[in-house]
Amino acid sequence: MAQVRLRQWARKYLEENGPATTQEILDHIEKKSPANNGAKSARSLGMVLKADPKIRKVDKVTLTGETGVKYSVNLWEIRRDNNE
């Protein structure tokens, strides 16, 4: 049930905001779920997003953290049919 809720929140966020990183989606879900009933980590959310047929991974984005360390995150979007 929790994965279904995560998928619904992620889909709605992507539909309203366009492509987003795993961390942006996770931050949104954490705001909707203050009791932390959502994803436990960006990695677990990524696994849920990867399994969703309506969401696709677009690219990897390299970001720089506060300490100057670079890291990669996935960029996700709603999958569109070729006819749209």
PDB file of N, CA and C in Angstrom:
ATOM      1  N   MET A   1       0.817  -1.193   0.000  1.00  0.00           N
ATOM      2  CA  MET A   1       0.000   0.000   0.000  1.00  0.00           C
ATOM      3  C   MET A   1       0.863   1.260   0.000  1.00  0.00           C
ATOM      4  N   ALA A   2       1.970   1.227   0.742  1.00  0.00           N
ATOM      5  CA  ALA A   2       2.840   2.402   0.811  1.00  0.00           C
ATOM      6  C   ALA A   2       3.438   2.712  -0.560  1.00  0.00           C
ATOM      7  N   GLN A   3       3.802   1.679  -1.318  1.00  0.00           N
ATOM      8  CA  GLN A   3       4.374   1.922  -2.646  1.00  0.00           C
ATOM      9  C   GLN A   3       3.351   2.540  -3.588  1.00  0.00           C
ATOM     10  N   VAL A   4       2.112   2.139  -3.468  1.00  0.00           N
ATOM     11  CA  VAL A   4       1.052   2.710  -4.306  1.00  0.00           C
ATOM     12  C   VAL A   4       0.916   4.198  -4.005  1.00  0.00           C
ATOM     13  N   ARG A   5       0.927   4.549  -2.723  1.00  0.00           N
ATOM     14  CA  ARG A   5       0.821   5.945  -2.321  1.00  0.00           C
ATOM     15  C   ARG A   5       2.031   6.747  -2.814  1.00  0.00           C
ATOM     16  N   LEU A   6       3.216   6.178  -2.706  1.00  0.00           N
ATOM     17  CA  LEU A   6       4.424   6.849  -3.194  1.00  0.00           C
ATOM     18  C   LEU A   6       4.332   7.113  -4.693  1.00  0.00           C
ATOM     19  N   ARG A   7       3.888   6.124  -5.436  1.00  0.00           N
ATOM     20  CA  ARG A   7       3.749   6.284  -6.887  1.00  0.00           C
ATOM     21  C   ARG A   7       2.751   7.382  -7.222  1.00  0.00           C
ATOM     22  N   GLN A   8       1.622   7.394  -6.513  1.00  0.00           N
ATOM     23  CA  GLN A   8       0.607   8.415  -6.773  1.00  0.00           C
ATOM     24  C   GLN A   8       1.150   9.808  -6.495  1.00  0.00           C
ATOM     25  N   TRP A   9       1.827   9.983  -5.374  1.00  0.00           N
ATOM     26  CA  TRP A   9       2.392  11.291  -5.028  1.00  0.00           C
ATOM     27  C   TRP A   9       3.467  11.698  -6.034  1.00  0.00           C
ATOM     28  N   ALA A  10       4.315  10.741  -6.434  1.00  0.00           N
ATOM     29  CA  ALA A  10       5.383  11.043  -7.392  1.00  0.00           C
ATOM     30  C   ALA A  10       4.797  11.419  -8.748  1.00  0.00           C
ATOM     31  N   ARG A  11       3.812  10.665  -9.209  1.00  0.00           N
ATOM     32  CA  ARG A  11       3.182  10.978 -10.503  1.00  0.00           C
ATOM     33  C   ARG A  11       2.562  12.362 -10.483  1.00  0.00           C
ATOM     34  N   LYS A  12       1.828  12.672  -9.423  1.00  0.00           N
ATOM     35  CA  LYS A  12       1.175  13.976  -9.332  1.00  0.00           C
ATOM     36  C   LYS A  12       2.215  15.091  -9.320  1.00  0.00           C
ATOM     37  N   TYR A  13       3.288  14.900  -8.572  1.00  0.00           N
ATOM     38  CA  TYR A  13       4.348  15.913  -8.519  1.00  0.00           C
ATOM     39  C   TYR A  13       4.964  16.134  -9.903  1.00  0.00           C
ATOM     40  N   LEU A  14       5.259  15.050 -10.606  1.00  0.00           N
ATOM     41  CA  LEU A  14       5.865  15.161 -11.934  1.00  0.00           C
ATOM     42  C   LEU A  14       4.894  15.773 -12.944  1.00  0.00           C
ATOM     43  N   GLU A  15       3.616  15.451 -12.840  1.00  0.00           N
ATOM     44  CA  GLU A  15       2.620  16.040 -13.748  1.00  0.00           C
ATOM     45  C   GLU A  15       2.516  17.548 -13.538  1.00  0.00           C
ATOM     46  N   GLU A  16       2.599  17.987 -12.285  1.00  0.00           N
ATOM     47  CA  GLU A  16       2.447  19.410 -11.972  1.00  0.00           C
ATOM     48  C   GLU A  16       3.732  20.215 -12.182  1.00  0.00           C
ATOM     49  N   ASN A  17       4.899  19.577 -12.006  1.00  0.00           N
ATOM     50  CA  ASN A  17       6.164  20.307 -12.008  1.00  0.00           C
ATOM     51  C   ASN A  17       7.128  19.938 -13.128  1.00  0.00           C
ATOM     52  N   GLY A  18       6.796  18.923 -13.897  1.00  0.00           N
ATOM     53  CA  GLY A  18       7.711  18.492 -14.953  1.00  0.00           C
ATOM     54  C   GLY A  18       8.832  17.633 -14.396  1.00  0.00           C
ATOM     55  N   PRO A  19       9.871  17.411 -15.192  1.00  0.00           N
ATOM     56  CA  PRO A  19      10.972  16.543 -14.765  1.00  0.00           C
ATOM     57  C   PRO A  19      11.577  16.991 -13.435  1.00  0.00           C
ATOM     58  N   ALA A  20      11.929  16.018 -12.606  1.00  0.00           N
ATOM     59  CA  ALA A  20      12.483  16.316 -11.286  1.00  0.00           C
ATOM     60  C   ALA A  20      13.447  15.216 -10.876  1.00  0.00           C
ATOM     61  N   THR A  21      14.363  15.560  -9.985  1.00  0.00           N
ATOM     62  CA  THR A  21      15.305  14.571  -9.468  1.00  0.00           C
ATOM     63  C   THR A  21      14.643  13.732  -8.389  1.00  0.00           C
ATOM     64  N   THR A  22      15.273  12.616  -8.089  1.00  0.00           N
ATOM     65  CA  THR A  22      14.765  11.745  -7.036  1.00  0.00           C
ATOM     66  C   THR A  22      14.663  12.517  -5.725  1.00  0.00           C
ATOM     67  N   GLN A  23      15.662  13.335  -5.422  1.00  0.00           N
ATOM     68  CA  GLN A  23      15.668  14.076  -4.163  1.00  0.00           C
ATOM     69  C   GLN A  23      14.541  15.108  -4.104  1.00  0.00           C
ATOM     70  N   GLU A  24      14.259  15.774  -5.215  1.00  0.00           N
ATOM     71  CA  GLU A  24      13.152  16.738  -5.242  1.00  0.00           C
ATOM     72  C   GLU A  24      11.819  16.041  -4.978  1.00  0.00           C
ATOM     73  N   ILE A  25      11.641  14.874  -5.580  1.00  0.00           N
ATOM     74  CA  ILE A  25      10.408  14.114  -5.368  1.00  0.00           C
ATOM     75  C   ILE A  25      10.330  13.646  -3.921  1.00  0.00           C
ATOM     76  N   LEU A  26      11.450  13.177  -3.384  1.00  0.00           N
ATOM     77  CA  LEU A  26      11.486  12.714  -1.995  1.00  0.00           C
ATOM     78  C   LEU A  26      11.154  13.855  -1.041  1.00  0.00           C
ATOM     79  N   ASP A  27      11.705  15.040  -1.271  1.00  0.00           N
ATOM     80  CA  ASP A  27      11.410  16.199  -0.418  1.00  0.00           C
ATOM     81  C   ASP A  27       9.918  16.511  -0.440  1.00  0.00           C
ATOM     82  N   HIS A  28       9.302  16.445  -1.619  1.00  0.00           N
ATOM     83  CA  HIS A  28       7.864  16.689  -1.744  1.00  0.00           C
ATOM     84  C   HIS A  28       7.062  15.651  -0.963  1.00  0.00           C
ATOM     85  N   ILE A  29       7.440  14.397  -1.080  1.00  0.00           N
ATOM     86  CA  ILE A  29       6.733  13.324  -0.388  1.00  0.00           C
ATOM     87  C   ILE A  29       6.880  13.470   1.124  1.00  0.00           C
ATOM     88  N   GLU A  30       8.059  13.860   1.581  1.00  0.00           N
ATOM     89  CA  GLU A  30       8.266  14.036   3.021  1.00  0.00           C
ATOM     90  C   GLU A  30       7.396  15.161   3.573  1.00  0.00           C
ATOM     91  N   LYS A  31       7.148  16.190   2.761  1.00  0.00           N
ATOM     92  CA  LYS A  31       6.251  17.271   3.191  1.00  0.00           C
ATOM     93  C   LYS A  31       4.808  16.778   3.281  1.00  0.00           C
ATOM     94  N   LYS A  32       4.413  15.895   2.377  1.00  0.00           N
ATOM     95  CA  LYS A  32       3.039  15.357   2.370  1.00  0.00           C
ATOM     96  C   LYS A  32       2.851  14.322   3.472  1.00  0.00           C
ATOM     97  N   SER A  33       3.932  13.704   3.904  1.00  0.00           N
ATOM     98  CA  SER A  33       3.858  12.610   4.858  1.00  0.00           C
ATOM     99  C   SER A  33       4.720  12.922   6.082  1.00  0.00           C
ATOM    100  N   PRO A  34       4.262  13.835   6.951  1.00  0.00           N
ATOM    101  CA  PRO A  34       5.086  14.233   8.088  1.00  0.00           C
ATOM    102  C   PRO A  34       5.381  13.096   9.062  1.00  0.00           C
ATOM    103  N   ALA A  35       4.545  12.080   9.076  1.00  0.00           N
ATOM    104  CA  ALA A  35       4.788  10.938   9.957  1.00  0.00           C
ATOM    105  C   ALA A  35       5.854  10.006   9.384  1.00  0.00           C
ATOM    106  N   ASN A  36       6.441  10.406   8.232  1.00  0.00           N
ATOM    107  CA  ASN A  36       7.468   9.626   7.535  1.00  0.00           C
ATOM    108  C   ASN A  36       6.966   8.239   7.155  1.00  0.00           C
ATOM    109  N   ASN A  37       5.746   8.186   6.653  1.00  0.00           N
ATOM    110  CA  ASN A  37       5.199   6.937   6.140  1.00  0.00           C
ATOM    111  C   ASN A  37       5.567   6.745   4.679  1.00  0.00           C
ATOM    112  N   GLY A  38       6.333   7.664   4.146  1.00  0.00           N
ATOM    113  CA  GLY A  38       6.727   7.609   2.747  1.00  0.00           C
ATOM    114  C   GLY A  38       8.004   6.816   2.570  1.00  0.00           C
ATOM    115  N   ALA A  39       8.769   7.199   1.572  1.00  0.00           N
ATOM    116  CA  ALA A  39      10.025   6.517   1.263  1.00  0.00           C
ATOM    117  C   ALA A  39      11.027   6.758   2.391  1.00  0.00           C
ATOM    118  N   LYS A  40      11.819   5.774   2.673  1.00  0.00           N
ATOM    119  CA  LYS A  40      12.826   5.891   3.724  1.00  0.00           C
ATOM    120  C   LYS A  40      14.104   6.543   3.210  1.00  0.00           C
ATOM    121  N   SER A  41      14.346   6.461   1.892  1.00  0.00           N
ATOM    122  CA  SER A  41      15.560   7.040   1.322  1.00  0.00           C
ATOM    123  C   SER A  41      15.342   7.316  -0.165  1.00  0.00           C
ATOM    124  N   ALA A  42      16.248   8.094  -0.727  1.00  0.00           N
ATOM    125  CA  ALA A  42      16.191   8.370  -2.160  1.00  0.00           C
ATOM    126  C   ALA A  42      16.373   7.067  -2.952  1.00  0.00           C
ATOM    127  N   ARG A  43      17.187   6.177  -2.441  1.00  0.00           N
ATOM    128  CA  ARG A  43      17.416   4.902  -3.123  1.00  0.00           C
ATOM    129  C   ARG A  43      16.139   4.073  -3.183  1.00  0.00           C
ATOM    130  N   SER A  44      15.414   3.971  -2.062  1.00  0.00           N
ATOM    131  CA  SER A  44      14.180   3.182  -2.063  1.00  0.00           C
ATOM    132  C   SER A  44      13.118   3.830  -2.948  1.00  0.00           C
ATOM    133  N   LEU A  45      13.055   5.171  -2.959  1.00  0.00           N
ATOM    134  CA  LEU A  45      12.119   5.853  -3.851  1.00  0.00           C
ATOM    135  C   LEU A  45      12.499   5.593  -5.302  1.00  0.00           C
ATOM    136  N   GLY A  46      13.787   5.620  -5.614  1.00  0.00           N
ATOM    137  CA  GLY A  46      14.248   5.337  -6.970  1.00  0.00           C
ATOM    138  C   GLY A  46      13.814   3.960  -7.450  1.00  0.00           C
ATOM    139  N   MET A  47      13.827   2.993  -6.553  1.00  0.00           N
ATOM    140  CA  MET A  47      13.396   1.641  -6.924  1.00  0.00           C
ATOM    141  C   MET A  47      11.898   1.620  -7.233  1.00  0.00           C
ATOM    142  N   VAL A  48      11.111   2.379  -6.475  1.00  0.00           N
ATOM    143  CA  VAL A  48       9.670   2.462  -6.725  1.00  0.00           C
ATOM    144  C   VAL A  48       9.417   3.157  -8.064  1.00  0.00           C
ATOM    145  N   LEU A  49      10.121   4.257  -8.319  1.00  0.00           N
ATOM    146  CA  LEU A  49       9.939   4.996  -9.570  1.00  0.00           C
ATOM    147  C   LEU A  49      10.346   4.159 -10.775  1.00  0.00           C
ATOM    148  N   LYS A  50      11.438   3.430 -10.637  1.00  0.00           N
ATOM    149  CA  LYS A  50      11.934   2.592 -11.728  1.00  0.00           C
ATOM    150  C   LYS A  50      10.932   1.512 -12.120  1.00  0.00           C
ATOM    151  N   ALA A  51      10.169   1.016 -11.148  1.00  0.00           N
ATOM    152  CA  ALA A  51       9.200  -0.048 -11.404  1.00  0.00           C
ATOM    153  C   ALA A  51       7.869   0.474 -11.935  1.00  0.00           C
ATOM    154  N   ASP A  52       7.676   1.786 -11.912  1.00  0.00           N
ATOM    155  CA  ASP A  52       6.397   2.361 -12.341  1.00  0.00           C
ATOM    156  C   ASP A  52       6.388   2.511 -13.860  1.00  0.00           C
ATOM    157  N   PRO A  53       5.426   1.893 -14.552  1.00  0.00           N
ATOM    158  CA  PRO A  53       5.390   1.967 -16.014  1.00  0.00           C
ATOM    159  C   PRO A  53       5.015   3.354 -16.547  1.00  0.00           C
ATOM    160  N   LYS A  54       4.480   4.227 -15.700  1.00  0.00           N
ATOM    161  CA  LYS A  54       4.088   5.561 -16.152  1.00  0.00           C
ATOM    162  C   LYS A  54       5.168   6.613 -15.927  1.00  0.00           C
ATOM    163  N   ILE A  55       6.273   6.209 -15.319  1.00  0.00           N
ATOM    164  CA  ILE A  55       7.383   7.124 -15.044  1.00  0.00           C
ATOM    165  C   ILE A  55       8.629   6.570 -15.705  1.00  0.00           C
ATOM    166  N   ARG A  56       9.421   7.471 -16.294  1.00  0.00           N
ATOM    167  CA  ARG A  56      10.667   7.009 -16.921  1.00  0.00           C
ATOM    168  C   ARG A  56      11.838   7.859 -16.462  1.00  0.00           C
ATOM    169  N   LYS A  57      13.008   7.213 -16.415  1.00  0.00           N
ATOM    170  CA  LYS A  57      14.235   7.915 -16.076  1.00  0.00           C
ATOM    171  C   LYS A  57      14.725   8.624 -17.329  1.00  0.00           C
ATOM    172  N   VAL A  58      14.963   9.924 -17.220  1.00  0.00           N
ATOM    173  CA  VAL A  58      15.379  10.715 -18.365  1.00  0.00           C
ATOM    174  C   VAL A  58      16.898  10.754 -18.478  1.00  0.00           C
ATOM    175  N   ASP A  59      17.567  11.013 -17.364  1.00  0.00           N
ATOM    176  CA  ASP A  59      19.004  11.258 -17.407  1.00  0.00           C
ATOM    177  C   ASP A  59      19.567  11.181 -15.994  1.00  0.00           C
ATOM    178  N   LYS A  60      20.885  11.256 -15.902  1.00  0.00           N
ATOM    179  CA  LYS A  60      21.560  11.443 -14.618  1.00  0.00           C
ATOM    180  C   LYS A  60      22.095  12.863 -14.592  1.00  0.00           C
ATOM    181  N   VAL A  61      21.943  13.511 -13.452  1.00  0.00           N
ATOM    182  CA  VAL A  61      22.393  14.887 -13.282  1.00  0.00           C
ATOM    183  C   VAL A  61      23.459  14.889 -12.205  1.00  0.00           C
ATOM    184  N   THR A  62      24.567  15.595 -12.434  1.00  0.00           N
ATOM    185  CA  THR A  62      25.622  15.706 -11.444  1.00  0.00           C
ATOM    186  C   THR A  62      25.429  16.994 -10.660  1.00  0.00           C
ATOM    187  N   LEU A  63      25.357  16.856  -9.347  1.00  0.00           N
ATOM    188  CA  LEU A  63      25.183  17.990  -8.452  1.00  0.00           C
ATOM    189  C   LEU A  63      26.387  18.107  -7.535  1.00  0.00           C
ATOM    190  N   THR A  64      26.561  19.284  -6.948  1.00  0.00           N
ATOM    191  CA  THR A  64      27.628  19.494  -5.988  1.00  0.00           C
ATOM    192  C   THR A  64      27.006  19.765  -4.630  1.00  0.00           C
ATOM    193  N   GLY A  65      27.400  18.995  -3.636  1.00  0.00           N
ATOM    194  CA  GLY A  65      26.863  19.145  -2.288  1.00  0.00           C
ATOM    195  C   GLY A  65      27.467  20.344  -1.569  1.00  0.00           C
ATOM    196  N   GLU A  66      26.996  20.581  -0.347  1.00  0.00           N
ATOM    197  CA  GLU A  66      27.460  21.711   0.445  1.00  0.00           C
ATOM    198  C   GLU A  66      28.944  21.656   0.739  1.00  0.00           C
ATOM    199  N   THR A  67      29.502  20.458   0.824  1.00  0.00           N
ATOM    200  CA  THR A  67      30.923  20.306   1.126  1.00  0.00           C
ATOM    201  C   THR A  67      31.787  20.278  -0.129  1.00  0.00           C
ATOM    202  N   GLY A  68      31.172  20.457  -1.287  1.00  0.00           N
ATOM    203  CA  GLY A  68      31.909  20.459  -2.539  1.00  0.00           C
ATOM    204  C   GLY A  68      32.026  19.099  -3.201  1.00  0.00           C
ATOM    205  N   VAL A  69      31.449  18.081  -2.585  1.00  0.00           N
ATOM    206  CA  VAL A  69      31.498  16.732  -3.145  1.00  0.00           C
ATOM    207  C   VAL A  69      30.449  16.619  -4.244  1.00  0.00           C
ATOM    208  N   LYS A  70      30.867  16.070  -5.390  1.00  0.00           N
ATOM    209  CA  LYS A  70      29.940  15.891  -6.508  1.00  0.00           C
ATOM    210  C   LYS A  70      29.292  14.517  -6.421  1.00  0.00           C
ATOM    211  N   TYR A  71      28.008  14.474  -6.794  1.00  0.00           N
ATOM    212  CA  TYR A  71      27.273  13.212  -6.801  1.00  0.00           C
ATOM    213  C   TYR A  71      26.234  13.241  -7.918  1.00  0.00           C
ATOM    214  N   SER A  72      25.803  12.048  -8.338  1.00  0.00           N
ATOM    215  CA  SER A  72      24.841  11.931  -9.430  1.00  0.00           C
ATOM    216  C   SER A  72      23.470  11.538  -8.889  1.00  0.00           C
ATOM    217  N   VAL A  73      22.436  12.127  -9.489  1.00  0.00           N
ATOM    218  CA  VAL A  73      21.062  11.764  -9.155  1.00  0.00           C
ATOM    219  C   VAL A  73      20.302  11.543 -10.446  1.00  0.00           C
ATOM    220  N   ASN A  74      19.245  10.748 -10.377  1.00  0.00           N
ATOM    221  CA  ASN A  74      18.422  10.483 -11.551  1.00  0.00           C
ATOM    222  C   ASN A  74      17.392  11.585 -11.750  1.00  0.00           C
ATOM    223  N   LEU A  75      17.092  11.854 -12.997  1.00  0.00           N
ATOM    224  CA  LEU A  75      16.052  12.806 -13.374  1.00  0.00           C
ATOM    225  C   LEU A  75      14.896  11.998 -13.947  1.00  0.00           C
ATOM    226  N   TRP A  76      13.674  12.232 -13.443  1.00  0.00           N
ATOM    227  CA  TRP A  76      12.493  11.458 -13.811  1.00  0.00           C
ATOM    228  C   TRP A  76      11.448  12.345 -14.468  1.00  0.00           C
ATOM    229  N   GLU A  77      10.602  11.724 -15.309  1.00  0.00           N
ATOM    230  CA  GLU A  77       9.471  12.431 -15.892  1.00  0.00           C
ATOM    231  C   GLU A  77       8.345  11.433 -16.154  1.00  0.00           C
ATOM    232  N   ILE A  78       7.152  11.983 -16.409  1.00  0.00           N
ATOM    233  CA  ILE A  78       6.016  11.142 -16.767  1.00  0.00           C
ATOM    234  C   ILE A  78       6.244  10.609 -18.180  1.00  0.00           C
ATOM    235  N   ARG A  79       6.038   9.318 -18.350  1.00  0.00           N
ATOM    236  CA  ARG A  79       6.171   8.702 -19.682  1.00  0.00           C
ATOM    237  C   ARG A  79       5.016   9.154 -20.557  1.00  0.00           C
ATOM    238  N   ARG A  80       5.321   9.622 -21.732  1.00  0.00           N
ATOM    239  CA  ARG A  80       4.302  10.079 -22.698  1.00  0.00           C
ATOM    240  C   ARG A  80       4.223   9.105 -23.844  1.00  0.00           C
ATOM    241  N   ASP A  81       3.021   8.902 -24.389  1.00  0.00           N
ATOM    242  CA  ASP A  81       2.867   8.098 -25.589  1.00  0.00           C
ATOM    243  C   ASP A  81       3.404   8.884 -26.766  1.00  0.00           C
ATOM    244  N   ASN A  82       3.765   8.206 -27.821  1.00  0.00           N
ATOM    245  CA  ASN A  82       4.250   8.878 -29.033  1.00  0.00           C
ATOM    246  C   ASN A  82       3.175   9.731 -29.681  1.00  0.00           C
ATOM    247  N   ASN A  83       1.899   9.417 -29.427  1.00  0.00           N
ATOM    248  CA  ASN A  83       0.803  10.145 -30.039  1.00  0.00           C
ATOM    249  C   ASN A  83       0.500  11.473 -29.353  1.00  0.00           C
ATOM    250  N   GLU A  84       1.048  11.695 -28.160  1.00  0.00           N
ATOM    251  CA  GLU A  84       0.751  12.930 -27.416  1.00  0.00           C
ATOM    252  C   GLU A  84       1.659  14.048 -27.813  1.00  0.00           C
TER     253      GLU A  84
END
